[in-house]
């Protein structure tokens, strides 16, 4: 039976990938209020930005299953892995993502 990872946890995992290889304007950063305020607020005179948060559940069997899916089918993570190229750095990224998902993996049952 598939468990569901809240998207906020997946976003934290995506943050690990953006920390491993900072790329300009990563899609997952559009969900970060500070990034949006910086991109739209100051430079473009946009005021009264409103943010809403909800959860999107992603069906996964385990944190390792999430890694397998995201590293083979997730466009941004695939790009990060391809740009890193160093196997040890990819393993470090995997470890960071799995550690990020570990706290919620016990509550997914």
C-alpha atoms as a PDB file:
ATOM      1  CA  UNK A   1       0.000   0.000   0.000  1.00  0.00           C
ATOM      2  CA  UNK A   2       1.395   3.390  -0.943  1.00  0.00           C
ATOM      3  CA  UNK A   3       1.969   5.988   1.711  1.00  0.00           C
ATOM      4  CA  UNK A   4       1.654   9.660   0.964  1.00  0.00           C
ATOM      5  CA  UNK A   5       4.469  12.112   1.493  1.00  0.00           C
ATOM      6  CA  UNK A   6       3.164  15.618   2.173  1.00  0.00           C
ATOM      7  CA  UNK A   7       4.454  17.979  -0.482  1.00  0.00           C
ATOM      8  CA  UNK A   8       6.006  20.193   2.191  1.00  0.00           C
ATOM      9  CA  UNK A   9       8.326  17.290   3.039  1.00  0.00           C
ATOM     10  CA  UNK A  10       9.065  16.756  -0.616  1.00  0.00           C
ATOM     11  CA  UNK A  11       9.813  20.467  -0.889  1.00  0.00           C
ATOM     12  CA  UNK A  12      12.355  20.129   1.902  1.00  0.00           C
ATOM     13  CA  UNK A  13      13.911  17.292  -0.059  1.00  0.00           C
ATOM     14  CA  UNK A  14      13.981  19.528  -3.116  1.00  0.00           C
ATOM     15  CA  UNK A  15      15.722  22.170  -1.038  1.00  0.00           C
ATOM     16  CA  UNK A  16      18.479  19.637  -0.419  1.00  0.00           C
ATOM     17  CA  UNK A  17      18.909  19.263  -4.161  1.00  0.00           C
ATOM     18  CA  UNK A  18      19.014  23.013  -4.678  1.00  0.00           C
ATOM     19  CA  UNK A  19      21.641  23.260  -1.928  1.00  0.00           C
ATOM     20  CA  UNK A  20      23.704  20.592  -3.674  1.00  0.00           C
ATOM     21  CA  UNK A  21      23.705  22.482  -6.938  1.00  0.00           C
ATOM     22  CA  UNK A  22      22.221  25.964  -6.937  1.00  0.00           C
ATOM     23  CA  UNK A  23      20.484  26.608 -10.225  1.00  0.00           C
ATOM     24  CA  UNK A  24      18.737  29.868 -11.087  1.00  0.00           C
ATOM     25  CA  UNK A  25      14.978  29.889 -10.654  1.00  0.00           C
ATOM     26  CA  UNK A  26      14.322  26.307  -9.630  1.00  0.00           C
ATOM     27  CA  UNK A  27      10.612  25.485  -9.916  1.00  0.00           C
ATOM     28  CA  UNK A  28      10.331  24.412  -6.273  1.00  0.00           C
ATOM     29  CA  UNK A  29      11.500  27.862  -5.180  1.00  0.00           C
ATOM     30  CA  UNK A  30       8.256  29.358  -6.485  1.00  0.00           C
ATOM     31  CA  UNK A  31       6.640  27.884  -3.373  1.00  0.00           C
ATOM     32  CA  UNK A  32       8.939  29.791  -1.016  1.00  0.00           C
ATOM     33  CA  UNK A  33       7.400  33.113   0.103  1.00  0.00           C
ATOM     34  CA  UNK A  34      10.785  34.774   0.673  1.00  0.00           C
ATOM     35  CA  UNK A  35      11.868  33.953  -2.885  1.00  0.00           C
ATOM     36  CA  UNK A  36       8.607  35.227  -4.357  1.00  0.00           C
ATOM     37  CA  UNK A  37       8.779  38.443  -2.345  1.00  0.00           C
ATOM     38  CA  UNK A  38      12.321  39.003  -3.530  1.00  0.00           C
ATOM     39  CA  UNK A  39      11.466  38.266  -7.176  1.00  0.00           C
ATOM     40  CA  UNK A  40       8.197  40.165  -7.365  1.00  0.00           C
ATOM     41  CA  UNK A  41       8.048  42.563  -4.449  1.00  0.00           C
ATOM     42  CA  UNK A  42      11.009  44.890  -4.288  1.00  0.00           C
ATOM     43  CA  UNK A  43      12.146  45.127  -7.889  1.00  0.00           C
ATOM     44  CA  UNK A  44       8.703  45.211  -9.482  1.00  0.00           C
ATOM     45  CA  UNK A  45       6.763  47.252  -6.939  1.00  0.00           C
ATOM     46  CA  UNK A  46       4.322  44.389  -6.305  1.00  0.00           C
ATOM     47  CA  UNK A  47       2.544  44.852  -2.985  1.00  0.00           C
ATOM     48  CA  UNK A  48       0.186  42.812  -0.836  1.00  0.00           C
ATOM     49  CA  UNK A  49       1.409  39.400  -1.924  1.00  0.00           C
ATOM     50  CA  UNK A  50      -0.774  36.658  -0.439  1.00  0.00           C
ATOM     51  CA  UNK A  51       0.440  33.099   0.129  1.00  0.00           C
ATOM     52  CA  UNK A  52      -1.682  30.029   0.730  1.00  0.00           C
ATOM     53  CA  UNK A  53      -0.353  26.657   1.799  1.00  0.00           C
ATOM     54  CA  UNK A  54      -1.938  23.273   1.375  1.00  0.00           C
ATOM     55  CA  UNK A  55      -0.627  19.750   1.209  1.00  0.00           C
ATOM     56  CA  UNK A  56      -0.389  17.610  -1.856  1.00  0.00           C
ATOM     57  CA  UNK A  57       0.174  13.966  -1.109  1.00  0.00           C
ATOM     58  CA  UNK A  58       2.589  12.027  -3.271  1.00  0.00           C
ATOM     59  CA  UNK A  59       2.152   8.261  -3.160  1.00  0.00           C
ATOM     60  CA  UNK A  60       5.415   6.567  -2.217  1.00  0.00           C
ATOM     61  CA  UNK A  61       6.266   3.341  -0.440  1.00  0.00           C
ATOM     62  CA  UNK A  62       9.234   4.671   1.529  1.00  0.00           C
ATOM     63  CA  UNK A  63      11.845   7.433   1.490  1.00  0.00           C
ATOM     64  CA  UNK A  64      14.012   5.167  -0.705  1.00  0.00           C
ATOM     65  CA  UNK A  65      11.093   4.770  -3.097  1.00  0.00           C
ATOM     66  CA  UNK A  66      10.743   8.572  -3.213  1.00  0.00           C
ATOM     67  CA  UNK A  67      14.458   8.867  -4.063  1.00  0.00           C
ATOM     68  CA  UNK A  68      14.164   6.241  -6.789  1.00  0.00           C
ATOM     69  CA  UNK A  69      11.153   7.980  -8.365  1.00  0.00           C
ATOM     70  CA  UNK A  70      12.515  11.516  -8.041  1.00  0.00           C
ATOM     71  CA  UNK A  71      16.033  10.659  -9.225  1.00  0.00           C
ATOM     72  CA  UNK A  72      14.792   8.833 -12.318  1.00  0.00           C
ATOM     73  CA  UNK A  73      11.561  10.670 -13.170  1.00  0.00           C
ATOM     74  CA  UNK A  74      11.842  14.082 -11.478  1.00  0.00           C
ATOM     75  CA  UNK A  75      13.168  16.562 -14.020  1.00  0.00           C
ATOM     76  CA  UNK A  76      14.883  18.946 -11.636  1.00  0.00           C
ATOM     77  CA  UNK A  77      16.558  16.256  -9.542  1.00  0.00           C
ATOM     78  CA  UNK A  78      17.719  14.463 -12.683  1.00  0.00           C
ATOM     79  CA  UNK A  79      19.307  17.713 -13.893  1.00  0.00           C
ATOM     80  CA  UNK A  80      21.010  18.243 -10.544  1.00  0.00           C
ATOM     81  CA  UNK A  81      22.410  14.699 -10.543  1.00  0.00           C
ATOM     82  CA  UNK A  82      23.650  15.083 -14.117  1.00  0.00           C
ATOM     83  CA  UNK A  83      25.395  18.349 -13.277  1.00  0.00           C
ATOM     84  CA  UNK A  84      26.956  17.072 -10.044  1.00  0.00           C
ATOM     85  CA  UNK A  85      28.622  14.137 -11.864  1.00  0.00           C
ATOM     86  CA  UNK A  86      30.637  13.148  -8.773  1.00  0.00           C
ATOM     87  CA  UNK A  87      29.231   9.875  -7.324  1.00  0.00           C
ATOM     88  CA  UNK A  88      30.075  10.843  -3.732  1.00  0.00           C
ATOM     89  CA  UNK A  89      28.211  14.149  -4.020  1.00  0.00           C
ATOM     90  CA  UNK A  90      25.198  12.329  -5.478  1.00  0.00           C
ATOM     91  CA  UNK A  91      25.313   9.918  -2.520  1.00  0.00           C
ATOM     92  CA  UNK A  92      25.529  12.882  -0.130  1.00  0.00           C
ATOM     93  CA  UNK A  93      22.494  14.420  -1.800  1.00  0.00           C
ATOM     94  CA  UNK A  94      20.605  11.129  -1.512  1.00  0.00           C
ATOM     95  CA  UNK A  95      21.528  10.910   2.169  1.00  0.00           C
ATOM     96  CA  UNK A  96      20.301  14.486   2.761  1.00  0.00           C
ATOM     97  CA  UNK A  97      16.991  13.780   1.041  1.00  0.00           C
ATOM     98  CA  UNK A  98      16.457  10.506   2.905  1.00  0.00           C
ATOM     99  CA  UNK A  99      17.257  12.209   6.226  1.00  0.00           C
ATOM    100  CA  UNK A 100      14.780  14.952   5.384  1.00  0.00           C
ATOM    101  CA  UNK A 101      12.042  12.399   4.746  1.00  0.00           C
ATOM    102  CA  UNK A 102      12.918  10.124   7.697  1.00  0.00           C
ATOM    103  CA  UNK A 103      10.831  11.965  10.332  1.00  0.00           C
ATOM    104  CA  UNK A 104       7.654  11.625   8.322  1.00  0.00           C
ATOM    105  CA  UNK A 105       8.309   8.090   7.102  1.00  0.00           C
ATOM    106  CA  UNK A 106       7.331   6.724  10.530  1.00  0.00           C
ATOM    107  CA  UNK A 107       3.984   8.541  10.386  1.00  0.00           C
ATOM    108  CA  UNK A 108       3.082   7.416   6.865  1.00  0.00           C
ATOM    109  CA  UNK A 109       1.397   4.185   7.986  1.00  0.00           C
END
